[in-house]
Amino acid sequence: MDPVLSVRNLRMSFFTSDGEVRALDGVDFDIAPGSTLGLVGESGCGKSATALSIMKLLPQHSGRIMGGEILFQGHDLVPLGTQAMRAIRGKQISMIFQDPMTSLNPVMTIGNQVIEAILLHEPVGRKTARARAIEMLGLVGIPSPELRMDQYPFQLSGGMRQRIMIAMALCCGPILLLADEPTTALDVTVQAQILDLMATLQRKFEMGVLLITHDLGIVAHYSDEVAVMYGGKIVERATTAALFQQPRHPYTQGLMDSIPGEQPPKGAINAIPGSVPSALNWPTGCRFRSRCALAGLDCAAAEPPLVQVGPDHWVACFRTTALDRDAS
């Protein structure tokens, strides 16, 4: 089955007063119809920049796609103009943002915001759009949806606002959903409810999903595949089972080790030493080498390519590939 989305060698930069920030520097991944790709990595690695690049919602004067392809159903989105992208956003590709309170208009009723999203993309009248909006609010678990239509965002809880955002994202039946940290501001119980709801609606609409998060537990439970980002690049990509069974990149291993353990000392965290280098001036070679206990001279001399090390498993690390060669 052909992927619904294929990102190839995507490069994107922010231009600031300090210089060019190369936020994405050669990103590659695919998302199959009906499947979920979990995109993980620490803050600043390029996760949100990836989603904003796909949606082409980068800051107008500072963000720019510098190269590569974003193939949506085989068609490259990179050269499309503003009007062409507006026809795709919300209709074929939708996005759920991190904070629903800042994403929803505080001076518009919930109903008008959902109706507006429908009228923008569907050839229906306002009465039909209102009926569909009420139906969608009910579908995402909003109690008394007819009454909620006339309320404002500040009158709803965080979980309810996130459900409204999901309803708006799905009201036109998109093929691809980008969920950027969709449960960050919610408590654990509501997180599970929202993620279960997204999984149910994904099966109903047969959507491909890009799930952006820093929570490895969420990835393990809800993703079919995982891509690990570091320094604006994908350093490891695999099926969820393969990645959690045998993480191959030292950075991925460090992320796994940083999860608080159940054995004594309970709650101990093995932090990755050092910090991420500046995107204003990426170092030569492997970008993780200053924090990696296995780094050698070859790691500074050249950038490791993403190579296949097993069925549905790719990694960008000279040490991993050298061990594979020695084993064979």
Protein backbone atom coordinates (compact mmCIF):
# COMPACT_ATOMS: atom_id res chain seq x y z
CA MET A 1 0.00 0.00 0.00
CA ASP A 2 1.38 3.41 -0.98
CA PRO A 3 2.08 5.80 1.92
CA VAL A 4 -0.35 8.65 2.47
CA LEU A 5 2.68 10.85 3.34
CA SER A 6 6.32 10.54 2.33
CA VAL A 7 8.83 13.10 3.61
CA ARG A 8 12.11 13.04 1.69
CA ASN A 9 15.29 14.92 2.68
CA LEU A 10 13.25 17.76 4.19
CA ARG A 11 15.32 20.79 5.13
CA MET A 12 13.84 23.81 6.88
CA SER A 13 15.43 26.87 8.47
CA PHE A 14 14.43 29.79 10.66
CA PHE A 15 16.20 33.04 9.83
CA THR A 16 16.90 35.08 12.96
CA SER A 17 19.00 38.09 13.91
CA ASP A 18 21.68 35.62 15.05
CA GLY A 19 21.74 33.76 11.75
CA GLU A 20 20.20 30.72 10.06
CA VAL A 21 18.77 28.12 12.44
CA ARG A 22 18.72 24.80 10.53
CA ALA A 23 15.78 23.26 12.36
CA LEU A 24 15.36 20.33 9.94
CA ASP A 25 18.36 19.00 8.07
CA GLY A 26 17.43 16.01 5.93
CA VAL A 27 14.33 14.37 7.46
CA ASP A 28 12.88 11.19 5.90
CA PHE A 29 9.85 9.11 6.91
CA ASP A 30 6.63 7.55 5.59
CA ILE A 31 3.14 7.20 7.04
CA ALA A 32 0.89 4.43 5.73
CA PRO A 33 -2.90 4.85 5.51
CA GLY A 34 -4.54 3.99 8.83
CA SER A 35 -1.23 3.76 10.71
CA THR A 36 0.38 5.93 13.39
CA LEU A 37 3.97 7.15 13.33
CA GLY A 38 5.24 8.36 16.70
CA LEU A 39 7.80 11.17 16.39
CA VAL A 40 9.87 11.49 19.57
CA GLY A 41 12.84 13.45 20.84
CA GLU A 42 13.71 16.13 23.38
CA SER A 43 12.54 19.75 23.12
CA GLY A 44 14.09 21.65 20.22
CA CYS A 45 14.93 18.58 18.11
CA GLY A 46 12.55 19.58 15.29
CA LYS A 47 9.32 17.68 16.00
CA SER A 48 6.93 20.63 15.84
CA ALA A 49 8.91 22.19 13.00
CA THR A 50 8.28 19.00 11.02
CA ALA A 51 4.49 19.28 11.48
CA LEU A 52 4.44 23.00 10.69
CA SER A 53 6.48 22.35 7.55
CA ILE A 54 4.03 19.68 6.37
CA MET A 55 1.12 22.07 6.96
CA LYS A 56 3.15 24.97 5.53
CA LEU A 57 2.29 27.08 8.56
CA LEU A 58 5.80 28.38 9.16
CA PRO A 59 6.27 32.02 10.24
CA GLN A 60 5.95 34.02 7.03
CA HIS A 61 9.13 36.06 7.29
CA SER A 62 11.43 33.80 9.31
CA GLY A 63 10.59 30.18 8.41
CA ARG A 64 11.48 28.67 5.05
CA ILE A 65 11.61 25.18 3.53
CA MET A 66 15.08 24.97 2.01
CA GLY A 67 14.77 21.67 0.14
CA GLY A 68 13.34 18.20 -0.03
CA GLU A 69 9.88 16.84 -0.75
CA ILE A 70 6.63 16.48 1.20
CA LEU A 71 4.70 13.95 -0.87
CA PHE A 72 1.03 13.80 0.11
CA GLN A 73 -0.71 11.04 -1.85
CA GLY A 74 2.16 11.27 -4.34
CA HIS A 75 1.94 15.05 -4.86
CA ASP A 76 4.65 17.38 -3.56
CA LEU A 77 3.29 20.07 -1.21
CA VAL A 78 6.50 22.13 -1.14
CA PRO A 79 5.88 24.15 -4.34
CA LEU A 80 2.17 24.74 -3.66
CA GLY A 81 1.00 28.30 -3.15
CA THR A 82 -1.14 29.73 -0.37
CA GLN A 83 -4.53 29.14 -2.00
CA ALA A 84 -3.73 25.54 -2.93
CA MET A 85 -2.60 24.76 0.63
CA ARG A 86 -5.72 26.35 2.12
CA ALA A 87 -7.81 23.89 0.12
CA ILE A 88 -5.83 20.99 1.60
CA ARG A 89 -5.52 22.16 5.23
CA GLY A 90 -8.48 21.11 7.33
CA LYS A 91 -9.99 19.13 4.49
CA GLN A 92 -7.36 16.50 3.65
CA ILE A 93 -4.71 17.24 6.28
CA SER A 94 -5.65 18.44 9.76
CA MET A 95 -3.61 19.33 12.82
CA ILE A 96 -4.23 19.26 16.57
CA PHE A 97 -2.03 21.79 18.36
CA GLN A 98 -0.45 21.58 21.81
CA ASP A 99 -2.56 24.13 23.69
CA PRO A 100 -6.26 24.31 22.78
CA MET A 101 -6.75 27.50 24.79
CA THR A 102 -4.41 29.42 22.49
CA SER A 103 -5.67 27.63 19.35
CA LEU A 104 -9.36 28.38 19.91
CA ASN A 105 -10.70 31.90 19.38
CA PRO A 106 -11.67 33.16 22.87
CA VAL A 107 -14.36 35.56 21.56
CA MET A 108 -16.16 33.06 19.28
CA THR A 109 -18.59 30.41 20.49
CA ILE A 110 -17.56 26.78 20.16
CA GLY A 111 -20.34 26.20 17.64
CA ASN A 112 -19.32 29.05 15.36
CA GLN A 113 -15.71 27.85 15.30
CA VAL A 114 -16.65 24.30 14.30
CA ILE A 115 -19.24 25.55 11.78
CA GLU A 116 -16.66 27.91 10.25
CA ALA A 117 -14.25 24.98 9.71
CA ILE A 118 -16.99 23.03 7.92
CA LEU A 119 -18.21 25.91 5.75
CA LEU A 120 -14.64 26.65 4.66
CA HIS A 121 -14.25 23.26 3.00
CA GLU A 122 -17.69 21.77 2.40
CA PRO A 123 -20.37 22.96 -0.10
CA VAL A 124 -23.16 22.99 2.50
CA GLY A 125 -25.42 25.61 4.05
CA ARG A 126 -25.13 26.89 7.61
CA LYS A 127 -28.04 24.75 8.85
CA THR A 128 -26.38 21.56 7.57
CA ALA A 129 -23.02 22.70 8.93
CA ARG A 130 -24.55 23.28 12.38
CA ALA A 131 -26.11 19.82 12.38
CA ARG A 132 -22.76 18.27 11.43
CA ALA A 133 -20.98 20.30 14.13
CA ILE A 134 -23.38 19.00 16.78
CA GLU A 135 -22.87 15.47 15.47
CA MET A 136 -19.06 15.84 15.67
CA LEU A 137 -19.20 17.23 19.22
CA GLY A 138 -21.24 14.21 20.22
CA LEU A 139 -18.83 11.89 18.42
CA VAL A 140 -15.86 13.19 20.42
CA GLY A 141 -17.70 12.72 23.70
CA ILE A 142 -18.92 16.24 24.46
CA PRO A 143 -22.00 15.95 26.71
CA SER A 144 -25.08 17.98 25.69
CA PRO A 145 -23.46 19.13 22.42
CA GLU A 146 -26.39 21.41 21.51
CA LEU A 147 -25.81 23.43 24.68
CA ARG A 148 -22.01 23.51 24.24
CA MET A 149 -22.42 25.07 20.80
CA ASP A 150 -23.27 28.42 22.42
CA GLN A 151 -20.49 28.36 25.02
CA TYR A 152 -17.05 29.97 24.84
CA PRO A 153 -13.67 28.21 25.30
CA PHE A 154 -13.09 29.66 28.79
CA GLN A 155 -16.26 27.93 29.98
CA LEU A 156 -14.85 24.46 29.24
CA SER A 157 -12.20 22.33 30.93
CA GLY A 158 -8.87 21.56 29.29
CA GLY A 159 -10.01 18.09 28.29
CA MET A 160 -13.23 19.44 26.78
CA ARG A 161 -11.31 22.09 24.81
CA GLN A 162 -9.00 19.41 23.44
CA ARG A 163 -12.06 17.40 22.35
CA ILE A 164 -13.34 20.50 20.57
CA MET A 165 -9.99 20.77 18.74
CA ILE A 166 -10.28 17.11 17.69
CA ALA A 167 -13.83 17.71 16.46
CA MET A 168 -12.66 20.68 14.38
CA ALA A 169 -9.74 18.68 12.99
CA LEU A 170 -11.95 15.76 11.93
CA CYS A 171 -15.14 17.53 10.87
CA CYS A 172 -14.22 17.33 7.16
CA GLY A 173 -12.90 13.76 7.20
CA PRO A 174 -9.14 14.29 6.68
CA ILE A 175 -6.84 11.60 5.30
CA LEU A 176 -3.89 12.66 7.48
CA LEU A 177 -3.89 13.97 11.05
CA LEU A 178 -0.92 15.70 12.68
CA ALA A 179 -1.19 15.63 16.48
CA ASP A 180 1.44 17.83 18.13
CA GLU A 181 1.69 16.95 21.83
CA PRO A 182 -2.12 16.61 22.00
CA THR A 183 -2.22 15.76 25.72
CA THR A 184 0.62 17.84 27.20
CA ALA A 185 -1.51 20.12 29.37
CA LEU A 186 -3.91 17.40 30.56
CA ASP A 187 -3.89 15.18 33.62
CA VAL A 188 -3.13 11.48 33.21
CA THR A 189 -6.75 10.28 33.26
CA VAL A 190 -7.85 12.79 30.63
CA GLN A 191 -4.74 12.01 28.55
CA ALA A 192 -5.80 8.37 28.26
CA GLN A 193 -9.36 9.38 27.32
CA ILE A 194 -8.16 11.75 24.59
CA LEU A 195 -5.69 9.25 23.12
CA ASP A 196 -8.25 6.43 23.16
CA LEU A 197 -10.70 8.77 21.44
CA MET A 198 -8.13 9.62 18.76
CA ALA A 199 -7.42 5.92 18.19
CA THR A 200 -11.15 5.18 17.84
CA LEU A 201 -11.69 8.03 15.39
CA GLN A 202 -8.58 7.01 13.44
CA ARG A 203 -10.09 3.57 12.85
CA LYS A 204 -13.44 5.14 11.93
CA PHE A 205 -11.95 7.54 9.38
CA GLU A 206 -8.97 5.31 8.35
CA MET A 207 -6.53 8.19 8.81
CA GLY A 208 -2.78 8.21 8.83
CA VAL A 209 -1.54 9.90 12.03
CA LEU A 210 1.71 11.64 12.93
CA LEU A 211 1.80 11.60 16.75
CA ILE A 212 4.37 14.05 18.08
CA THR A 213 5.28 13.56 21.73
CA HIS A 214 8.12 13.31 24.23
CA ASP A 215 6.29 10.61 26.20
CA LEU A 216 7.67 7.18 25.32
CA GLY A 217 4.81 5.47 27.16
CA ILE A 218 2.28 7.09 24.82
CA VAL A 219 4.37 6.07 21.82
CA ALA A 220 4.64 2.46 23.00
CA HIS A 221 0.87 2.17 23.40
CA TYR A 222 -0.50 4.11 20.43
CA SER A 223 2.10 4.03 17.60
CA ASP A 224 2.72 1.43 14.91
CA GLU A 225 6.14 2.87 14.05
CA VAL A 226 8.54 5.25 15.79
CA ALA A 227 10.96 7.84 14.44
CA VAL A 228 13.52 9.26 16.89
CA MET A 229 14.74 12.80 16.18
CA TYR A 230 17.91 14.46 17.35
CA GLY A 231 19.42 17.71 16.11
CA GLY A 232 17.00 18.15 13.22
CA LYS A 233 17.51 14.62 11.87
CA ILE A 234 15.95 11.17 12.19
CA VAL A 235 18.56 9.03 13.98
CA GLU A 236 16.47 5.85 14.33
CA ARG A 237 13.26 4.55 12.79
CA ALA A 238 11.58 1.20 13.42
CA THR A 239 8.36 -0.58 14.23
CA THR A 240 7.31 0.13 17.80
CA ALA A 241 7.95 -3.45 18.91
CA ALA A 242 11.44 -3.51 17.37
CA LEU A 243 12.45 -0.15 18.81
CA PHE A 244 11.41 -0.94 22.37
CA GLN A 245 12.78 -4.47 22.22
CA GLN A 246 16.19 -3.40 20.93
CA PRO A 247 16.94 0.33 20.61
CA ARG A 248 20.04 0.63 18.43
CA HIS A 249 21.10 4.29 18.51
CA PRO A 250 22.91 5.50 21.67
CA TYR A 251 20.51 8.46 21.87
CA THR A 252 17.45 6.18 21.76
CA GLN A 253 19.08 3.98 24.42
CA GLY A 254 19.63 7.11 26.52
CA LEU A 255 15.96 8.07 26.18
CA MET A 256 14.92 4.59 27.29
CA ASP A 257 17.31 4.67 30.24
CA SER A 258 15.94 8.05 31.34
CA ILE A 259 12.52 6.53 32.09
CA PRO A 260 12.16 6.24 35.91
CA GLY A 261 12.64 2.60 36.91
CA GLU A 262 10.43 0.39 39.03
CA GLN A 263 13.37 -1.26 40.83
CA PRO A 264 15.34 0.42 43.66
CA PRO A 265 16.36 3.13 43.75
CA LYS A 266 12.76 3.78 42.70
CA GLY A 267 12.34 6.91 40.61
CA ALA A 268 16.03 7.14 39.69
CA ILE A 269 16.64 8.75 36.33
CA ASN A 270 19.74 8.20 34.22
CA ALA A 271 19.99 11.52 32.40
CA ILE A 272 21.82 11.91 29.08
CA PRO A 273 24.91 14.03 29.82
CA GLY A 274 25.58 17.35 28.09
CA SER A 275 23.20 19.39 25.96
CA VAL A 276 22.04 19.61 22.35
CA PRO A 277 24.46 21.60 20.15
CA SER A 278 23.26 24.85 18.61
CA ALA A 279 21.28 24.66 15.37
CA LEU A 280 23.02 27.87 14.34
CA ASN A 281 26.22 25.89 13.89
CA TRP A 282 25.77 22.13 13.86
CA PRO A 283 29.03 20.25 14.53
CA THR A 284 30.62 18.11 11.86
CA GLY A 285 29.99 14.39 11.90
CA CYS A 286 27.44 12.85 14.25
CA ARG A 287 25.52 15.53 16.15
CA PHE A 288 25.18 13.31 19.21
CA ARG A 289 28.90 12.54 19.53
CA SER A 290 29.64 15.13 22.27
CA ARG A 291 27.13 13.32 24.52
CA CYS A 292 27.92 9.75 23.44
CA ALA A 293 30.17 7.42 25.43
CA LEU A 294 30.86 5.35 22.27
CA ALA A 295 31.98 8.23 20.02
CA GLY A 296 35.27 7.86 18.16
CA LEU A 297 37.29 9.76 15.56
CA ASP A 298 35.14 8.47 12.72
CA CYS A 299 32.06 9.99 14.40
CA ALA A 300 33.64 13.45 14.07
CA ALA A 301 34.89 12.93 10.53
CA ALA A 302 31.60 12.15 8.78
CA GLU A 303 27.87 12.18 9.37
CA PRO A 304 26.45 8.65 9.76
CA PRO A 305 23.76 7.82 7.18
CA LEU A 306 20.46 6.20 8.10
CA VAL A 307 20.96 2.54 7.15
CA GLN A 308 18.85 -0.57 7.57
CA VAL A 309 19.99 -2.86 10.40
CA GLY A 310 17.04 -5.24 10.51
CA PRO A 311 13.52 -5.82 9.18
CA ASP A 312 11.77 -2.42 9.34
CA HIS A 313 14.61 -0.95 11.41
CA TRP A 314 16.98 1.86 10.39
CA VAL A 315 19.65 3.65 12.43
CA ALA A 316 22.23 6.40 11.85
CA CYS A 317 25.23 5.28 13.93
CA PHE A 318 28.69 4.09 12.91
CA ARG A 319 29.02 2.03 16.09
CA THR A 320 25.79 0.08 15.50
CA THR A 321 26.62 -0.73 11.89
CA ALA A 322 30.19 -1.70 12.84
CA LEU A 323 28.88 -4.14 15.45
CA ASP A 324 26.54 -5.62 12.81
CA ARG A 325 29.47 -6.09 10.42
CA ASP A 326 31.57 -7.74 13.15
CA ALA A 327 28.70 -10.08 14.07
CA SER A 328 28.27 -11.21 10.48
